[in-house]
Amino acid sequence: MRERLETIVWGAEVDPYSHALDVKYDYWMRGKYFDKSTREWAMEKSDEYQTRCSAMLEKCDLSHPGVCVLYDHYNKIRNRYWAVYEAFS
């Protein structure tokens, strides 16, 4: 299940929340229940990327184009992991 969720986070899907819900209900319909660890995993990954964003804010100049691109990327990934967490809450 986590492999499918990683694909959603790192893929090009516009709405990771709805795709994560699809995964959740697909497993539920098959009689496989997701466990609390999946939700916690998504939150930990979101927190990891939040930490990266915070570190960049403290150490780097966001007016530099390269830094801004990397910061936006980390923030996007953080939000996508958070959407997965919300779908499994």
C-alpha atoms as a PDB file:
ATOM      1  CA  MET A   1       0.000   0.000   0.000  1.00  0.00           C
ATOM      2  CA  ARG A   2       2.795   2.427   0.858  1.00  0.00           C
ATOM      3  CA  GLU A   3       4.337   1.930  -2.569  1.00  0.00           C
ATOM      4  CA  ARG A   4       1.077   3.041  -4.167  1.00  0.00           C
ATOM      5  CA  LEU A   5       0.911   6.020  -1.826  1.00  0.00           C
ATOM      6  CA  GLU A   6       4.517   6.981  -2.621  1.00  0.00           C
ATOM      7  CA  THR A   7       3.603   6.889  -6.309  1.00  0.00           C
ATOM      8  CA  ILE A   8       0.741   9.275  -5.620  1.00  0.00           C
ATOM      9  CA  VAL A   9       2.925  11.670  -3.637  1.00  0.00           C
ATOM     10  CA  TRP A  10       5.744  11.738  -6.167  1.00  0.00           C
ATOM     11  CA  GLY A  11       3.514  11.481  -9.245  1.00  0.00           C
ATOM     12  CA  ALA A  12       1.751  14.082 -11.302  1.00  0.00           C
ATOM     13  CA  GLU A  13      -1.744  13.582  -9.901  1.00  0.00           C
ATOM     14  CA  VAL A  14      -3.486  16.892  -9.351  1.00  0.00           C
ATOM     15  CA  ASP A  15      -5.443  15.738  -6.306  1.00  0.00           C
ATOM     16  CA  PRO A  16      -3.390  13.388  -4.116  1.00  0.00           C
ATOM     17  CA  TYR A  17      -6.113  13.349  -1.454  1.00  0.00           C
ATOM     18  CA  SER A  18      -8.719  11.716  -3.690  1.00  0.00           C
ATOM     19  CA  HIS A  19      -6.188   9.260  -5.092  1.00  0.00           C
ATOM     20  CA  ALA A  20      -5.145   8.297  -1.553  1.00  0.00           C
ATOM     21  CA  LEU A  21      -8.822   7.757  -0.714  1.00  0.00           C
ATOM     22  CA  ASP A  22      -9.054   5.422  -3.706  1.00  0.00           C
ATOM     23  CA  VAL A  23      -6.157   3.396  -2.317  1.00  0.00           C
ATOM     24  CA  LYS A  24      -7.711   3.357   1.133  1.00  0.00           C
ATOM     25  CA  TYR A  25     -11.079   2.127  -0.129  1.00  0.00           C
ATOM     26  CA  ASP A  26      -9.493  -0.346  -2.528  1.00  0.00           C
ATOM     27  CA  TYR A  27      -7.754  -2.041   0.386  1.00  0.00           C
ATOM     28  CA  TRP A  28     -10.872  -1.831   2.519  1.00  0.00           C
ATOM     29  CA  MET A  29     -13.002  -3.462  -0.187  1.00  0.00           C
ATOM     30  CA  ARG A  30     -10.513  -6.318  -0.452  1.00  0.00           C
ATOM     31  CA  GLY A  31     -10.851  -6.954   3.255  1.00  0.00           C
ATOM     32  CA  LYS A  32      -7.410  -5.577   3.995  1.00  0.00           C
ATOM     33  CA  TYR A  33      -7.637  -2.910   6.611  1.00  0.00           C
ATOM     34  CA  PHE A  34      -5.116  -0.123   6.691  1.00  0.00           C
ATOM     35  CA  ASP A  35      -3.565   0.334  10.043  1.00  0.00           C
ATOM     36  CA  LYS A  36      -2.691   3.335  12.122  1.00  0.00           C
ATOM     37  CA  SER A  37       0.923   3.025  11.050  1.00  0.00           C
ATOM     38  CA  THR A  38       0.053   4.104   7.482  1.00  0.00           C
ATOM     39  CA  ARG A  39      -1.424   7.351   8.759  1.00  0.00           C
ATOM     40  CA  GLU A  40       1.532   7.886  11.093  1.00  0.00           C
ATOM     41  CA  TRP A  41       3.966   7.152   8.258  1.00  0.00           C
ATOM     42  CA  ALA A  42       2.364   9.851   6.093  1.00  0.00           C
ATOM     43  CA  MET A  43       2.498  12.354   8.949  1.00  0.00           C
ATOM     44  CA  GLU A  44       6.160  11.554   9.649  1.00  0.00           C
ATOM     45  CA  LYS A  45       7.046  12.058   5.989  1.00  0.00           C
ATOM     46  CA  SER A  46       5.138  15.347   5.948  1.00  0.00           C
ATOM     47  CA  ASP A  47       6.974  16.444   9.097  1.00  0.00           C
ATOM     48  CA  GLU A  48      10.302  15.458   7.527  1.00  0.00           C
ATOM     49  CA  TYR A  49       9.718  17.781   4.591  1.00  0.00           C
ATOM     50  CA  GLN A  50       8.430  20.510   6.897  1.00  0.00           C
ATOM     51  CA  THR A  51      11.725  20.274   8.768  1.00  0.00           C
ATOM     52  CA  ARG A  52      13.603  20.636   5.485  1.00  0.00           C
ATOM     53  CA  CYS A  53      11.548  23.718   4.624  1.00  0.00           C
ATOM     54  CA  SER A  54      12.179  25.245   8.047  1.00  0.00           C
ATOM     55  CA  ALA A  55      15.914  24.580   7.795  1.00  0.00           C
ATOM     56  CA  MET A  56      16.024  26.275   4.414  1.00  0.00           C
ATOM     57  CA  LEU A  57      14.212  29.318   5.787  1.00  0.00           C
ATOM     58  CA  GLU A  58      16.784  29.598   8.568  1.00  0.00           C
ATOM     59  CA  LYS A  59      19.922  28.994   6.503  1.00  0.00           C
ATOM     60  CA  CYS A  60      19.203  30.106   2.959  1.00  0.00           C
ATOM     61  CA  ASP A  61      18.156  33.192   1.063  1.00  0.00           C
ATOM     62  CA  LEU A  62      14.784  32.461  -0.558  1.00  0.00           C
ATOM     63  CA  SER A  63      15.292  35.305  -3.008  1.00  0.00           C
ATOM     64  CA  HIS A  64      17.837  33.120  -4.817  1.00  0.00           C
ATOM     65  CA  PRO A  65      15.968  31.352  -7.664  1.00  0.00           C
ATOM     66  CA  GLY A  66      17.553  27.937  -7.091  1.00  0.00           C
ATOM     67  CA  VAL A  67      16.790  27.980  -3.385  1.00  0.00           C
ATOM     68  CA  CYS A  68      13.229  29.091  -4.064  1.00  0.00           C
ATOM     69  CA  VAL A  69      12.668  26.218  -6.498  1.00  0.00           C
ATOM     70  CA  LEU A  70      13.980  23.668  -4.000  1.00  0.00           C
ATOM     71  CA  TYR A  71      11.939  25.176  -1.168  1.00  0.00           C
ATOM     72  CA  ASP A  72       8.778  25.073  -3.295  1.00  0.00           C
ATOM     73  CA  HIS A  73       9.496  21.437  -4.201  1.00  0.00           C
ATOM     74  CA  TYR A  74       9.904  20.417  -0.550  1.00  0.00           C
ATOM     75  CA  ASN A  75       6.778  22.319   0.404  1.00  0.00           C
ATOM     76  CA  LYS A  76       4.793  20.645  -2.385  1.00  0.00           C
ATOM     77  CA  ILE A  77       5.946  17.185  -1.284  1.00  0.00           C
ATOM     78  CA  ARG A  78       5.111  18.041   2.337  1.00  0.00           C
ATOM     79  CA  ASN A  79       1.603  19.053   1.311  1.00  0.00           C
ATOM     80  CA  ARG A  80       1.132  15.889  -0.740  1.00  0.00           C
ATOM     81  CA  TYR A  81       2.154  13.665   2.188  1.00  0.00           C
ATOM     82  CA  TRP A  82      -0.216  15.672   4.381  1.00  0.00           C
ATOM     83  CA  ALA A  83      -3.041  15.016   1.886  1.00  0.00           C
ATOM     84  CA  VAL A  84      -2.358  11.274   2.205  1.00  0.00           C
ATOM     85  CA  TYR A  85      -2.414  11.617   5.992  1.00  0.00           C
ATOM     86  CA  GLU A  86      -5.764  13.420   5.808  1.00  0.00           C
ATOM     87  CA  ALA A  87      -7.197  10.749   3.526  1.00  0.00           C
ATOM     88  CA  PHE A  88      -6.309   8.062   6.076  1.00  0.00           C
ATOM     89  CA  SER A  89      -7.579  10.007   9.088  1.00  0.00           C
END
